[in-house]
Amino acid sequence: MKVYHNFDADACLEIAKRSGVKQTEKDVAYTKFLAFHNPKKIYVLRNDYCWLLGVRGGKKFRIIGIAIVLEEQRKGIGTILLNKAIEDARRGGYKKVTTRSKSGE
């Protein structure tokens, strides 16, 4: 899977719309805001049919959203993205990786 690390708001928004999950469009808007104000804080893994967006900050790394187009869902892609993001966070010295889930981890 070829992965890009640059944030392309238009490409991410298109994937978000094709994912079938409305929240992912808000995740793109939030990342766009962060990218404008402090681009070094954002973390992006994406390709033509999926993305994972995160925020680097202080002592923790927060995954803020993940989107996969409907036709590519249920194939393990989300797991691959999450594992890669966690691996990158650990390599970057982050001890804690959080999400927006109820448990937060």
N, C-alpha and C. Protein backbone atom coordinates (compact mmCIF):
# COMPACT_ATOMS: atom_id res chain seq x y z
N MET A 1 0.85 -1.17 0.00
CA MET A 1 0.00 0.00 0.00
C MET A 1 0.89 1.23 0.00
N LYS A 2 0.79 2.06 -1.02
CA LYS A 2 1.54 3.30 -1.07
C LYS A 2 0.87 4.29 -0.12
N VAL A 3 1.67 4.95 0.70
CA VAL A 3 1.14 5.86 1.70
C VAL A 3 1.79 7.23 1.55
N TYR A 4 0.95 8.27 1.62
CA TYR A 4 1.44 9.65 1.57
C TYR A 4 1.35 10.22 2.98
N HIS A 5 2.26 11.14 3.30
CA HIS A 5 2.25 11.76 4.62
C HIS A 5 1.87 13.23 4.56
N ASN A 6 1.52 13.71 3.38
CA ASN A 6 1.12 15.11 3.28
C ASN A 6 -0.40 15.22 3.41
N PHE A 7 -0.85 16.32 3.97
CA PHE A 7 -2.28 16.56 4.14
C PHE A 7 -2.81 17.24 2.89
N ASP A 8 -3.72 16.59 2.21
CA ASP A 8 -4.41 17.14 1.04
C ASP A 8 -5.89 17.17 1.42
N ALA A 9 -6.36 18.35 1.81
CA ALA A 9 -7.72 18.48 2.32
C ALA A 9 -8.77 17.99 1.32
N ASP A 10 -8.59 18.32 0.05
CA ASP A 10 -9.57 17.92 -0.96
C ASP A 10 -9.62 16.39 -1.12
N ALA A 11 -8.45 15.76 -1.18
CA ALA A 11 -8.40 14.30 -1.31
C ALA A 11 -8.99 13.63 -0.07
N CYS A 12 -8.66 14.16 1.10
CA CYS A 12 -9.18 13.59 2.34
C CYS A 12 -10.70 13.77 2.44
N LEU A 13 -11.18 14.90 2.02
CA LEU A 13 -12.63 15.15 2.05
C LEU A 13 -13.37 14.20 1.11
N GLU A 14 -12.82 13.95 -0.05
CA GLU A 14 -13.45 13.02 -1.00
C GLU A 14 -13.53 11.62 -0.40
N ILE A 15 -12.45 11.17 0.23
CA ILE A 15 -12.46 9.86 0.89
C ILE A 15 -13.48 9.85 2.01
N ALA A 16 -13.52 10.94 2.79
CA ALA A 16 -14.48 11.03 3.90
C ALA A 16 -15.91 10.87 3.40
N LYS A 17 -16.23 11.55 2.31
CA LYS A 17 -17.59 11.46 1.75
C LYS A 17 -17.90 10.04 1.28
N ARG A 18 -16.90 9.37 0.72
CA ARG A 18 -17.10 8.01 0.21
C ARG A 18 -17.05 6.95 1.31
N SER A 19 -16.70 7.36 2.54
CA SER A 19 -16.61 6.40 3.63
C SER A 19 -17.97 6.05 4.23
N GLY A 20 -18.92 6.95 4.05
CA GLY A 20 -20.24 6.72 4.62
C GLY A 20 -20.36 7.14 6.07
N VAL A 21 -19.32 7.77 6.63
CA VAL A 21 -19.33 8.21 8.02
C VAL A 21 -19.24 9.73 8.05
N LYS A 22 -20.31 10.38 8.49
CA LYS A 22 -20.38 11.84 8.46
C LYS A 22 -19.28 12.50 9.30
N GLN A 23 -18.93 11.92 10.45
CA GLN A 23 -17.93 12.51 11.34
C GLN A 23 -16.59 12.72 10.64
N THR A 24 -16.27 11.88 9.68
CA THR A 24 -14.96 11.99 9.04
C THR A 24 -14.80 13.31 8.28
N GLU A 25 -15.89 13.88 7.80
CA GLU A 25 -15.82 15.18 7.14
C GLU A 25 -15.43 16.26 8.15
N LYS A 26 -15.94 16.14 9.37
CA LYS A 26 -15.56 17.08 10.43
C LYS A 26 -14.10 16.91 10.82
N ASP A 27 -13.62 15.66 10.80
CA ASP A 27 -12.21 15.40 11.10
C ASP A 27 -11.30 16.10 10.09
N VAL A 28 -11.70 16.11 8.83
CA VAL A 28 -10.91 16.79 7.79
C VAL A 28 -10.92 18.30 8.04
N ALA A 29 -12.07 18.85 8.37
CA ALA A 29 -12.17 20.29 8.63
C ALA A 29 -11.29 20.68 9.82
N TYR A 30 -11.30 19.88 10.87
CA TYR A 30 -10.47 20.15 12.05
C TYR A 30 -8.99 20.07 11.69
N THR A 31 -8.61 19.08 10.92
CA THR A 31 -7.21 18.94 10.52
C THR A 31 -6.78 20.10 9.63
N LYS A 32 -7.69 20.55 8.78
CA LYS A 32 -7.39 21.71 7.92
C LYS A 32 -7.11 22.94 8.78
N PHE A 33 -7.91 23.12 9.81
CA PHE A 33 -7.71 24.22 10.76
C PHE A 33 -6.34 24.09 11.42
N LEU A 34 -6.02 22.90 11.92
CA LEU A 34 -4.71 22.68 12.57
C LEU A 34 -3.56 22.90 11.59
N ALA A 35 -3.73 22.41 10.37
CA ALA A 35 -2.67 22.54 9.36
C ALA A 35 -2.39 24.01 9.05
N PHE A 36 -3.41 24.82 9.10
CA PHE A 36 -3.23 26.26 8.85
C PHE A 36 -2.45 26.92 9.99
N HIS A 37 -2.79 26.56 11.23
CA HIS A 37 -2.21 27.22 12.39
C HIS A 37 -0.88 26.61 12.85
N ASN A 38 -0.73 25.31 12.70
CA ASN A 38 0.51 24.67 13.16
C ASN A 38 0.71 23.35 12.41
N PRO A 39 1.16 23.41 11.16
CA PRO A 39 1.25 22.20 10.33
C PRO A 39 2.16 21.12 10.89
N LYS A 40 3.11 21.47 11.74
CA LYS A 40 4.02 20.47 12.30
C LYS A 40 3.33 19.56 13.31
N LYS A 41 2.18 19.98 13.82
CA LYS A 41 1.45 19.17 14.79
C LYS A 41 0.66 18.02 14.17
N ILE A 42 0.32 18.15 12.89
CA ILE A 42 -0.54 17.12 12.31
C ILE A 42 0.26 15.92 11.80
N TYR A 43 -0.40 14.78 11.85
CA TYR A 43 0.16 13.52 11.38
C TYR A 43 -0.83 12.96 10.37
N VAL A 44 -0.34 12.56 9.21
CA VAL A 44 -1.22 12.08 8.14
C VAL A 44 -0.67 10.80 7.53
N LEU A 45 -1.54 9.82 7.41
CA LEU A 45 -1.29 8.63 6.59
C LEU A 45 -2.45 8.58 5.62
N ARG A 46 -2.17 8.55 4.33
CA ARG A 46 -3.29 8.49 3.38
C ARG A 46 -2.84 7.88 2.07
N ASN A 47 -3.83 7.41 1.33
CA ASN A 47 -3.62 7.04 -0.06
C ASN A 47 -4.89 7.38 -0.81
N ASP A 48 -5.17 6.72 -1.89
CA ASP A 48 -6.32 7.10 -2.71
C ASP A 48 -7.66 6.63 -2.16
N TYR A 49 -7.66 5.77 -1.16
CA TYR A 49 -8.94 5.25 -0.64
C TYR A 49 -9.04 5.23 0.88
N CYS A 50 -8.04 5.75 1.59
CA CYS A 50 -8.14 5.79 3.05
C CYS A 50 -7.21 6.85 3.62
N TRP A 51 -7.49 7.24 4.86
CA TRP A 51 -6.59 8.12 5.59
C TRP A 51 -6.75 7.92 7.09
N LEU A 52 -5.70 8.32 7.80
CA LEU A 52 -5.72 8.41 9.26
C LEU A 52 -5.10 9.75 9.59
N LEU A 53 -5.77 10.51 10.43
CA LEU A 53 -5.29 11.83 10.82
C LEU A 53 -5.00 11.84 12.32
N GLY A 54 -3.89 12.44 12.69
CA GLY A 54 -3.51 12.52 14.09
C GLY A 54 -2.92 13.87 14.43
N VAL A 55 -2.75 14.07 15.73
CA VAL A 55 -2.17 15.31 16.24
C VAL A 55 -1.04 14.96 17.20
N ARG A 56 0.12 15.56 16.97
CA ARG A 56 1.26 15.41 17.87
C ARG A 56 1.21 16.56 18.87
N GLY A 57 1.34 16.24 20.13
CA GLY A 57 1.34 17.32 21.10
C GLY A 57 1.89 16.89 22.43
N GLY A 58 2.70 17.73 23.01
CA GLY A 58 3.25 17.46 24.34
C GLY A 58 3.77 16.05 24.48
N LYS A 59 3.16 15.32 25.39
CA LYS A 59 3.61 13.95 25.67
C LYS A 59 2.73 12.90 25.02
N LYS A 60 1.66 13.33 24.35
CA LYS A 60 0.79 12.32 23.75
C LYS A 60 0.52 12.57 22.26
N PHE A 61 0.13 11.51 21.64
CA PHE A 61 -0.18 11.47 20.22
C PHE A 61 -1.65 11.09 20.14
N ARG A 62 -2.46 11.91 19.48
CA ARG A 62 -3.91 11.66 19.45
C ARG A 62 -4.36 11.36 18.03
N ILE A 63 -5.00 10.23 17.86
CA ILE A 63 -5.60 9.88 16.57
C ILE A 63 -6.98 10.52 16.54
N ILE A 64 -7.18 11.42 15.58
CA ILE A 64 -8.45 12.15 15.56
C ILE A 64 -9.45 11.61 14.54
N GLY A 65 -9.00 10.82 13.60
CA GLY A 65 -9.96 10.28 12.64
C GLY A 65 -9.33 9.30 11.69
N ILE A 66 -10.21 8.45 11.17
CA ILE A 66 -9.80 7.46 10.18
C ILE A 66 -10.97 7.28 9.22
N ALA A 67 -10.67 7.18 7.95
CA ALA A 67 -11.72 6.99 6.95
C ALA A 67 -11.23 6.03 5.87
N ILE A 68 -12.12 5.16 5.46
CA ILE A 68 -11.85 4.20 4.40
C ILE A 68 -13.08 4.17 3.51
N VAL A 69 -12.90 4.28 2.20
CA VAL A 69 -14.06 4.27 1.31
C VAL A 69 -14.83 2.95 1.48
N LEU A 70 -16.13 3.01 1.29
CA LEU A 70 -17.00 1.86 1.55
C LEU A 70 -16.53 0.56 0.90
N GLU A 71 -16.12 0.63 -0.36
CA GLU A 71 -15.76 -0.59 -1.08
C GLU A 71 -14.46 -1.23 -0.59
N GLU A 72 -13.69 -0.52 0.23
CA GLU A 72 -12.43 -1.06 0.76
C GLU A 72 -12.52 -1.40 2.25
N GLN A 73 -13.68 -1.15 2.85
CA GLN A 73 -13.85 -1.46 4.28
C GLN A 73 -13.92 -2.97 4.51
N ARG A 74 -13.62 -3.37 5.74
CA ARG A 74 -13.69 -4.77 6.19
C ARG A 74 -12.59 -5.63 5.54
N LYS A 75 -11.45 -5.00 5.22
CA LYS A 75 -10.33 -5.72 4.60
C LYS A 75 -9.06 -5.62 5.44
N GLY A 76 -9.16 -5.05 6.64
CA GLY A 76 -8.00 -4.93 7.51
C GLY A 76 -7.19 -3.66 7.32
N ILE A 77 -7.66 -2.77 6.46
CA ILE A 77 -6.92 -1.54 6.18
C ILE A 77 -6.86 -0.63 7.40
N GLY A 78 -7.95 -0.54 8.12
CA GLY A 78 -7.98 0.30 9.33
C GLY A 78 -6.97 -0.18 10.35
N THR A 79 -6.87 -1.49 10.51
CA THR A 79 -5.90 -2.06 11.44
C THR A 79 -4.48 -1.73 11.02
N ILE A 80 -4.21 -1.82 9.72
CA ILE A 80 -2.88 -1.49 9.21
C ILE A 80 -2.56 -0.02 9.50
N LEU A 81 -3.50 0.88 9.23
CA LEU A 81 -3.28 2.30 9.49
C LEU A 81 -3.04 2.58 10.97
N LEU A 82 -3.87 1.99 11.82
CA LEU A 82 -3.71 2.20 13.27
C LEU A 82 -2.37 1.68 13.77
N ASN A 83 -2.00 0.49 13.34
CA ASN A 83 -0.72 -0.07 13.77
C ASN A 83 0.46 0.78 13.31
N LYS A 84 0.40 1.29 12.08
CA LYS A 84 1.46 2.14 11.55
C LYS A 84 1.54 3.44 12.34
N ALA A 85 0.40 4.05 12.64
CA ALA A 85 0.38 5.30 13.39
C ALA A 85 0.95 5.10 14.79
N ILE A 86 0.57 4.01 15.44
CA ILE A 86 1.08 3.72 16.78
C ILE A 86 2.58 3.47 16.74
N GLU A 87 3.02 2.73 15.75
CA GLU A 87 4.46 2.48 15.58
C GLU A 87 5.22 3.80 15.37
N ASP A 88 4.70 4.67 14.52
CA ASP A 88 5.35 5.96 14.27
C ASP A 88 5.37 6.83 15.53
N ALA A 89 4.27 6.79 16.28
CA ALA A 89 4.21 7.57 17.53
C ALA A 89 5.25 7.07 18.53
N ARG A 90 5.34 5.77 18.67
CA ARG A 90 6.33 5.19 19.60
C ARG A 90 7.74 5.56 19.16
N ARG A 91 8.00 5.45 17.86
CA ARG A 91 9.31 5.80 17.33
C ARG A 91 9.62 7.29 17.55
N GLY A 92 8.58 8.10 17.57
CA GLY A 92 8.74 9.54 17.78
C GLY A 92 8.87 9.91 19.25
N GLY A 93 8.85 8.91 20.13
CA GLY A 93 9.05 9.16 21.55
C GLY A 93 7.77 9.35 22.36
N TYR A 94 6.62 9.17 21.73
CA TYR A 94 5.37 9.32 22.47
C TYR A 94 5.08 8.07 23.28
N LYS A 95 4.77 8.26 24.54
CA LYS A 95 4.46 7.14 25.43
C LYS A 95 2.97 6.81 25.42
N LYS A 96 2.17 7.79 25.05
CA LYS A 96 0.72 7.62 25.09
C LYS A 96 0.10 7.95 23.75
N VAL A 97 -0.76 7.05 23.26
CA VAL A 97 -1.52 7.27 22.03
C VAL A 97 -2.98 7.20 22.41
N THR A 98 -3.73 8.26 22.11
CA THR A 98 -5.15 8.29 22.45
C THR A 98 -5.99 8.44 21.20
N THR A 99 -7.29 8.20 21.38
CA THR A 99 -8.26 8.36 20.30
C THR A 99 -9.45 9.13 20.84
N ARG A 100 -10.44 9.29 20.01
CA ARG A 100 -11.66 9.97 20.43
C ARG A 100 -12.67 8.97 21.01
N SER A 101 -12.29 7.71 21.13
CA SER A 101 -13.21 6.70 21.64
C SER A 101 -13.56 6.96 23.10
N LYS A 102 -14.59 6.29 23.60
CA LYS A 102 -15.01 6.50 24.99
C LYS A 102 -13.91 6.15 25.98
N SER A 103 -13.15 5.08 25.68
CA SER A 103 -12.07 4.72 26.59
C SER A 103 -10.87 5.65 26.44
N GLY A 104 -10.76 6.29 25.26
CA GLY A 104 -9.68 7.24 25.02
C GLY A 104 -8.35 6.62 24.68
N GLU A 105 -8.32 5.30 24.59
CA GLU A 105 -7.04 4.63 24.28
C GLU A 105 -7.26 3.42 23.42
